[in-house]
PDB file of all heavy atoms in Angstrom:
ATOM      1  N   TRP A   1      89.840  92.274 123.405  1.00  0.00           N
ATOM      2  CA  TRP A   1      90.862  91.711 122.514  1.00  0.00           C
ATOM      3  C   TRP A   1      91.801  92.814 122.017  1.00  0.00           C
ATOM      4  O   TRP A   1      93.031  92.634 122.009  1.00  0.00           O
ATOM      5  CB  TRP A   1      90.183  91.027 121.332  1.00  0.00           C
ATOM      6  CG  TRP A   1      91.131  90.418 120.343  1.00  0.00           C
ATOM      7  CD1 TRP A   1      91.573  89.128 120.319  1.00  0.00           C
ATOM      8  CD2 TRP A   1      91.765  91.075 119.239  1.00  0.00           C
ATOM      9  NE1 TRP A   1      92.433  88.933 119.260  1.00  0.00           N
ATOM     10  CE2 TRP A   1      92.572  90.116 118.585  1.00  0.00           C
ATOM     11  CE3 TRP A   1      91.719  92.372 118.729  1.00  0.00           C
ATOM     12  CZ2 TRP A   1      93.331  90.420 117.455  1.00  0.00           C
ATOM     13  CZ3 TRP A   1      92.492  92.686 117.613  1.00  0.00           C
ATOM     14  CH2 TRP A   1      93.274  91.719 116.977  1.00  0.00           C
ATOM     15  N   ALA A   2      91.230  93.940 121.582  1.00  0.00           N
ATOM     16  CA  ALA A   2      92.043  95.025 121.022  1.00  0.00           C
ATOM     17  C   ALA A   2      93.022  95.580 122.053  1.00  0.00           C
ATOM     18  O   ALA A   2      94.169  95.918 121.725  1.00  0.00           O
ATOM     19  CB  ALA A   2      91.150  96.132 120.484  1.00  0.00           C
ATOM     20  N   LEU A   3      92.591  95.683 123.288  1.00  0.00           N
ATOM     21  CA  LEU A   3      93.485  96.177 124.333  1.00  0.00           C
ATOM     22  C   LEU A   3      94.632  95.197 124.579  1.00  0.00           C
ATOM     23  O   LEU A   3      95.775  95.620 124.832  1.00  0.00           O
ATOM     24  CB  LEU A   3      92.704  96.419 125.618  1.00  0.00           C
ATOM     25  CG  LEU A   3      91.747  97.628 125.582  1.00  0.00           C
ATOM     26  CD1 LEU A   3      90.822  97.609 126.797  1.00  0.00           C
ATOM     27  CD2 LEU A   3      92.524  98.936 125.514  1.00  0.00           C
ATOM     28  N   ALA A   4      94.348  93.902 124.500  1.00  0.00           N
ATOM     29  CA  ALA A   4      95.418  92.912 124.651  1.00  0.00           C
ATOM     30  C   ALA A   4      96.360  92.972 123.448  1.00  0.00           C
ATOM     31  O   ALA A   4      97.593  92.950 123.611  1.00  0.00           O
ATOM     32  CB  ALA A   4      94.825  91.519 124.804  1.00  0.00           C
ATOM     33  N   TRP A   5      95.815  93.032 122.244  1.00  0.00           N
ATOM     34  CA  TRP A   5      96.634  93.146 121.023  1.00  0.00           C
ATOM     35  C   TRP A   5      97.534  94.369 121.087  1.00  0.00           C
ATOM     36  O   TRP A   5      98.717  94.315 120.759  1.00  0.00           O
ATOM     37  CB  TRP A   5      95.713  93.216 119.813  1.00  0.00           C
ATOM     38  CG  TRP A   5      96.365  93.658 118.537  1.00  0.00           C
ATOM     39  CD1 TRP A   5      96.992  92.849 117.624  1.00  0.00           C
ATOM     40  CD2 TRP A   5      96.464  94.986 118.026  1.00  0.00           C
ATOM     41  NE1 TRP A   5      97.487  93.600 116.582  1.00  0.00           N
ATOM     42  CE2 TRP A   5      97.166  94.919 116.807  1.00  0.00           C
ATOM     43  CE3 TRP A   5      96.017  96.232 118.484  1.00  0.00           C
ATOM     44  CZ2 TRP A   5      97.439  96.055 116.038  1.00  0.00           C
ATOM     45  CZ3 TRP A   5      96.286  97.363 117.725  1.00  0.00           C
ATOM     46  CH2 TRP A   5      96.984  97.274 116.516  1.00  0.00           C
ATOM     47  N   ASP A   6      96.984  95.479 121.547  1.00  0.00           N
ATOM     48  CA  ASP A   6      97.717  96.755 121.580  1.00  0.00           C
ATOM     49  C   ASP A   6      98.797  96.776 122.650  1.00  0.00           C
ATOM     50  O   ASP A   6      99.858  97.392 122.465  1.00  0.00           O
ATOM     51  CB  ASP A   6      96.718  97.886 121.827  1.00  0.00           C
ATOM     52  CG  ASP A   6      97.369  99.240 121.886  1.00  0.00           C
ATOM     53  OD1 ASP A   6      97.946  99.663 120.865  1.00  0.00           O
ATOM     54  OD2 ASP A   6      97.334  99.871 122.957  1.00  0.00           O
ATOM     55  N   ASP A   7      98.544  96.145 123.782  1.00  0.00           N
ATOM     56  CA  ASP A   7      99.506  96.036 124.880  1.00  0.00           C
ATOM     57  C   ASP A   7     100.075  97.396 125.283  1.00  0.00           C
ATOM     58  O   ASP A   7     101.278  97.564 125.482  1.00  0.00           O
ATOM     59  CB  ASP A   7     100.633  95.082 124.497  1.00  0.00           C
ATOM     60  CG  ASP A   7     101.438  94.609 125.704  1.00  0.00           C
ATOM     61  OD1 ASP A   7     100.920  94.677 126.832  1.00  0.00           O
ATOM     62  OD2 ASP A   7     102.594  94.171 125.512  1.00  0.00           O
ATOM     63  N   GLY A   8      99.173  98.375 125.391  1.00  0.00           N
ATOM     64  CA  GLY A   8      99.562  99.680 125.916  1.00  0.00           C
ATOM     65  C   GLY A   8     100.146 100.656 124.925  1.00  0.00           C
ATOM     66  O   GLY A   8     100.595 101.740 125.318  1.00  0.00           O
ATOM     67  N   GLU A   9     100.130 100.329 123.622  1.00  0.00           N
ATOM     68  CA  GLU A   9     100.722 101.224 122.619  1.00  0.00           C
ATOM     69  C   GLU A   9      99.814 102.386 122.232  1.00  0.00           C
ATOM     70  O   GLU A   9     100.260 103.336 121.591  1.00  0.00           O
ATOM     71  CB  GLU A   9     101.092 100.430 121.365  1.00  0.00           C
ATOM     72  CG  GLU A   9     102.208  99.420 121.581  1.00  0.00           C
ATOM     73  CD  GLU A   9     103.521 100.088 121.948  1.00  0.00           C
ATOM     74  OE1 GLU A   9     103.846 101.135 121.364  1.00  0.00           O
ATOM     75  OE2 GLU A   9     104.228  99.555 122.829  1.00  0.00           O
ATOM     76  N   GLY A  10      98.532 102.303 122.563  1.00  0.00           N
ATOM     77  CA  GLY A  10      97.613 103.400 122.267  1.00  0.00           C
ATOM     78  C   GLY A  10      96.874 103.299 120.946  1.00  0.00           C
ATOM     79  O   GLY A  10      96.275 104.285 120.498  1.00  0.00           O
ATOM     80  N   ASP A  11      96.880 102.108 120.323  1.00  0.00           N
ATOM     81  CA  ASP A  11      96.239 101.948 119.011  1.00  0.00           C
ATOM     82  C   ASP A  11      95.031 101.020 119.040  1.00  0.00           C
ATOM     83  O   ASP A  11      94.574 100.559 117.996  1.00  0.00           O
ATOM     84  CB  ASP A  11      97.253 101.411 117.997  1.00  0.00           C
ATOM     85  CG  ASP A  11      98.408 102.371 117.771  1.00  0.00           C
ATOM     86  OD1 ASP A  11      98.164 103.600 117.795  1.00  0.00           O
ATOM     87  OD2 ASP A  11      99.545 101.898 117.577  1.00  0.00           O
ATOM     88  N   ALA A  12      94.488 100.738 120.222  1.00  0.00           N
ATOM     89  CA  ALA A  12      93.380  99.778 120.315  1.00  0.00           C
ATOM     90  C   ALA A  12      92.138 100.244 119.565  1.00  0.00           C
ATOM     91  O   ALA A  12      91.334  99.416 119.117  1.00  0.00           O
ATOM     92  CB  ALA A  12      93.035  99.521 121.786  1.00  0.00           C
ATOM     93  N   ASP A  13      91.962 101.565 119.393  1.00  0.00           N
ATOM     94  CA  ASP A  13      90.781 102.076 118.699  1.00  0.00           C
ATOM     95  C   ASP A  13      90.786 101.741 117.211  1.00  0.00           C
ATOM     96  O   ASP A  13      89.783 101.970 116.530  1.00  0.00           O
ATOM     97  CB  ASP A  13      90.681 103.592 118.868  1.00  0.00           C
ATOM     98  CG  ASP A  13      90.308 103.986 120.288  1.00  0.00           C
ATOM     99  OD1 ASP A  13      89.813 103.116 121.031  1.00  0.00           O
ATOM    100  OD2 ASP A  13      90.527 105.160 120.663  1.00  0.00           O
ATOM    101  N   LEU A  14      91.874 101.202 116.720  1.00  0.00           N
ATOM    102  CA  LEU A  14      91.923 100.780 115.320  1.00  0.00           C
ATOM    103  C   LEU A  14      90.830  99.758 115.014  1.00  0.00           C
ATOM    104  O   LEU A  14      90.253  99.748 113.926  1.00  0.00           O
ATOM    105  CB  LEU A  14      93.302 100.183 115.030  1.00  0.00           C
ATOM    106  CG  LEU A  14      93.588  99.687 113.625  1.00  0.00           C
ATOM    107  CD1 LEU A  14      93.571 100.826 112.625  1.00  0.00           C
ATOM    108  CD2 LEU A  14      94.934  98.969 113.580  1.00  0.00           C
ATOM    109  N   PHE A  15      90.537  98.891 116.000  1.00  0.00           N
ATOM    110  CA  PHE A  15      89.542  97.830 115.798  1.00  0.00           C
ATOM    111  C   PHE A  15      88.190  98.316 116.298  1.00  0.00           C
ATOM    112  O   PHE A  15      87.938  98.365 117.506  1.00  0.00           O
ATOM    113  CB  PHE A  15      89.989  96.560 116.512  1.00  0.00           C
ATOM    114  CG  PHE A  15      91.223  95.961 115.899  1.00  0.00           C
ATOM    115  CD1 PHE A  15      92.485  96.338 116.350  1.00  0.00           C
ATOM    116  CD2 PHE A  15      91.132  95.055 114.860  1.00  0.00           C
ATOM    117  CE1 PHE A  15      93.626  95.801 115.780  1.00  0.00           C
ATOM    118  CE2 PHE A  15      92.269  94.519 114.281  1.00  0.00           C
ATOM    119  CZ  PHE A  15      93.522  94.901 114.740  1.00  0.00           C
ATOM    120  N   ARG A  16      87.329  98.667 115.373  1.00  0.00           N
ATOM    121  CA  ARG A  16      86.048  99.294 115.696  1.00  0.00           C
ATOM    122  C   ARG A  16      84.921  98.273 115.773  1.00  0.00           C
ATOM    123  O   ARG A  16      84.998  97.194 115.164  1.00  0.00           O
ATOM    124  CB  ARG A  16      85.737 100.374 114.667  1.00  0.00           C
ATOM    125  CG  ARG A  16      86.774 101.491 114.675  1.00  0.00           C
ATOM    126  CD  ARG A  16      86.338 102.682 113.878  1.00  0.00           C
ATOM    127  NE  ARG A  16      87.283 103.783 114.039  1.00  0.00           N
ATOM    128  CZ  ARG A  16      87.150 104.973 113.454  1.00  0.00           C
ATOM    129  NH1 ARG A  16      86.113 105.213 112.665  1.00  0.00           N
ATOM    130  NH2 ARG A  16      88.047 105.925 113.648  1.00  0.00           N
ATOM    131  N   PRO A  17      83.845  98.605 116.500  1.00  0.00           N
ATOM    132  CA  PRO A  17      82.755  97.642 116.701  1.00  0.00           C
ATOM    133  C   PRO A  17      82.139  97.121 115.411  1.00  0.00           C
ATOM    134  O   PRO A  17      81.615  95.995 115.386  1.00  0.00           O
ATOM    135  CB  PRO A  17      81.732  98.447 117.508  1.00  0.00           C
ATOM    136  CG  PRO A  17      82.540  99.487 118.220  1.00  0.00           C
ATOM    137  CD  PRO A  17      83.652  99.842 117.285  1.00  0.00           C
ATOM    138  N   GLU A  18      82.211  97.905 114.337  1.00  0.00           N
ATOM    139  CA  GLU A  18      81.608  97.472 113.064  1.00  0.00           C
ATOM    140  C   GLU A  18      82.222  96.172 112.544  1.00  0.00           C
ATOM    141  O   GLU A  18      81.597  95.443 111.759  1.00  0.00           O
ATOM    142  CB  GLU A  18      81.762  98.580 112.018  1.00  0.00           C
ATOM    143  CG  GLU A  18      80.886  99.805 112.251  1.00  0.00           C
ATOM    144  CD  GLU A  18      81.456 100.779 113.272  1.00  0.00           C
ATOM    145  OE1 GLU A  18      82.551 100.495 113.840  1.00  0.00           O
ATOM    146  OE2 GLU A  18      80.822 101.827 113.507  1.00  0.00           O
ATOM    147  N   LEU A  19      83.426  95.859 112.974  1.00  0.00           N
ATOM    148  CA  LEU A  19      84.084  94.633 112.502  1.00  0.00           C
ATOM    149  C   LEU A  19      83.319  93.368 112.876  1.00  0.00           C
ATOM    150  O   LEU A  19      83.365  92.375 112.151  1.00  0.00           O
ATOM    151  CB  LEU A  19      85.498  94.540 113.066  1.00  0.00           C
ATOM    152  CG  LEU A  19      86.613  95.266 112.317  1.00  0.00           C
ATOM    153  CD1 LEU A  19      87.926  95.097 113.058  1.00  0.00           C
ATOM    154  CD2 LEU A  19      86.736  94.766 110.889  1.00  0.00           C
ATOM    155  N   VAL A  20      82.629  93.396 114.009  1.00  0.00           N
ATOM    156  CA  VAL A  20      81.949  92.173 114.453  1.00  0.00           C
ATOM    157  C   VAL A  20      80.776  91.824 113.544  1.00  0.00           C
ATOM    158  O   VAL A  20      80.277  90.692 113.589  1.00  0.00           O
ATOM    159  CB  VAL A  20      81.489  92.274 115.926  1.00  0.00           C
ATOM    160  CG1 VAL A  20      82.666  92.532 116.841  1.00  0.00           C
ATOM    161  CG2 VAL A  20      80.428  93.348 116.094  1.00  0.00           C
ATOM    162  N   ASP A  21      80.341  92.767 112.706  1.00  0.00           N
ATOM    163  CA  ASP A  21      79.233  92.502 111.787  1.00  0.00           C
ATOM    164  C   ASP A  21      79.710  91.947 110.451  1.00  0.00           C
ATOM    165  O   ASP A  21      78.878  91.624 109.594  1.00  0.00           O
ATOM    166  CB  ASP A  21      78.432  93.791 111.548  1.00  0.00           C
ATOM    167  CG  ASP A  21      77.762  94.295 112.813  1.00  0.00           C
ATOM    168  OD1 ASP A  21      77.316  93.455 113.615  1.00  0.00           O
ATOM    169  OD2 ASP A  21      77.696  95.526 112.999  1.00  0.00           O
ATOM    170  N   ASP A  22      81.026  91.851 110.245  1.00  0.00           N
ATOM    171  CA  ASP A  22      81.554  91.334 108.984  1.00  0.00           C
ATOM    172  C   ASP A  22      81.542  89.807 109.036  1.00  0.00           C
ATOM    173  O   ASP A  22      82.230  89.201 109.848  1.00  0.00           O
ATOM    174  CB  ASP A  22      82.974  91.847 108.758  1.00  0.00           C
ATOM    175  CG  ASP A  22      83.471  91.549 107.355  1.00  0.00           C
ATOM    176  OD1 ASP A  22      83.422  90.369 106.958  1.00  0.00           O
ATOM    177  OD2 ASP A  22      83.881  92.493 106.653  1.00  0.00           O
ATOM    178  N   PRO A  23      80.769  89.147 108.153  1.00  0.00           N
ATOM    179  CA  PRO A  23      80.608  87.688 108.259  1.00  0.00           C
ATOM    180  C   PRO A  23      81.856  86.900 107.892  1.00  0.00           C
ATOM    181  O   PRO A  23      81.941  85.705 108.192  1.00  0.00           O
ATOM    182  CB  PRO A  23      79.464  87.385 107.281  1.00  0.00           C
ATOM    183  CG  PRO A  23      79.516  88.508 106.288  1.00  0.00           C
ATOM    184  CD  PRO A  23      79.951  89.716 107.063  1.00  0.00           C
ATOM    185  N   THR A  24      82.836  87.523 107.251  1.00  0.00           N
ATOM    186  CA  THR A  24      84.045  86.801 106.858  1.00  0.00           C
ATOM    187  C   THR A  24      85.220  87.059 107.796  1.00  0.00           C
ATOM    188  O   THR A  24      86.308  86.523 107.587  1.00  0.00           O
ATOM    189  CB  THR A  24      84.458  87.180 105.430  1.00  0.00           C
ATOM    190  OG1 THR A  24      84.799  88.579 105.383  1.00  0.00           O
ATOM    191  CG2 THR A  24      83.324  86.904 104.449  1.00  0.00           C
ATOM    192  N   THR A  25      85.019  87.877 108.821  1.00  0.00           N
ATOM    193  CA  THR A  25      86.092  88.238 109.742  1.00  0.00           C
ATOM    194  C   THR A  25      85.875  87.575 111.096  1.00  0.00           C
ATOM    195  O   THR A  25      84.802  87.693 111.679  1.00  0.00           O
ATOM    196  CB  THR A  25      86.169  89.764 109.917  1.00  0.00           C
ATOM    197  OG1 THR A  25      86.461  90.371 108.652  1.00  0.00           O
ATOM    198  CG2 THR A  25      87.251  90.146 110.912  1.00  0.00           C
ATOM    199  N   PHE A  26      86.908  86.898 111.592  1.00  0.00           N
ATOM    200  CA  PHE A  26      86.865  86.256 112.899  1.00  0.00           C
ATOM    201  C   PHE A  26      88.031  86.784 113.730  1.00  0.00           C
ATOM    202  O   PHE A  26      89.194  86.550 113.383  1.00  0.00           O
ATOM    203  CB  PHE A  26      86.982  84.735 112.774  1.00  0.00           C
ATOM    204  CG  PHE A  26      85.926  84.107 111.910  1.00  0.00           C
ATOM    205  CD1 PHE A  26      86.142  83.925 110.553  1.00  0.00           C
ATOM    206  CD2 PHE A  26      84.708  83.720 112.455  1.00  0.00           C
ATOM    207  CE1 PHE A  26      85.166  83.356 109.747  1.00  0.00           C
ATOM    208  CE2 PHE A  26      83.727  83.152 111.655  1.00  0.00           C
ATOM    209  CZ  PHE A  26      83.950  82.969 110.298  1.00  0.00           C
ATOM    210  N   VAL A  27      87.711  87.505 114.786  1.00  0.00           N
ATOM    211  CA  VAL A  27      88.738  87.987 115.701  1.00  0.00           C
ATOM    212  C   VAL A  27      88.918  86.916 116.768  1.00  0.00           C
ATOM    213  O   VAL A  27      88.034  86.692 117.595  1.00  0.00           O
ATOM    214  CB  VAL A  27      88.338  89.344 116.308  1.00  0.00           C
ATOM    215  CG1 VAL A  27      89.397  89.816 117.296  1.00  0.00           C
ATOM    216  CG2 VAL A  27      88.141  90.383 115.204  1.00  0.00           C
ATOM    217  N   LEU A  28      90.059  86.247 116.740  1.00  0.00           N
ATOM    218  CA  LEU A  28      90.300  85.061 117.560  1.00  0.00           C
ATOM    219  C   LEU A  28      91.013  85.434 118.845  1.00  0.00           C
ATOM    220  O   LEU A  28      92.080  86.048 118.811  1.00  0.00           O
ATOM    221  CB  LEU A  28      91.139  84.057 116.781  1.00  0.00           C
ATOM    222  CG  LEU A  28      90.612  83.667 115.393  1.00  0.00           C
ATOM    223  CD1 LEU A  28      91.608  82.759 114.689  1.00  0.00           C
ATOM    224  CD2 LEU A  28      89.249  83.001 115.506  1.00  0.00           C
ATOM    225  N   ALA A  29      90.448  85.042 119.963  1.00  0.00           N
ATOM    226  CA  ALA A  29      91.021  85.346 121.273  1.00  0.00           C
ATOM    227  C   ALA A  29      91.446  84.054 121.961  1.00  0.00           C
ATOM    228  O   ALA A  29      90.637  83.144 122.151  1.00  0.00           O
ATOM    229  CB  ALA A  29      90.005  86.087 122.134  1.00  0.00           C
TER     230      ALA A  29
END
């Protein structure tokens, strides 16, 4: 998802794996 969101800009690492453990956050693809 992050690579698609970034679309080659080089900022995909902004979204770190720890986010998937947050119960109130939903990354929608």
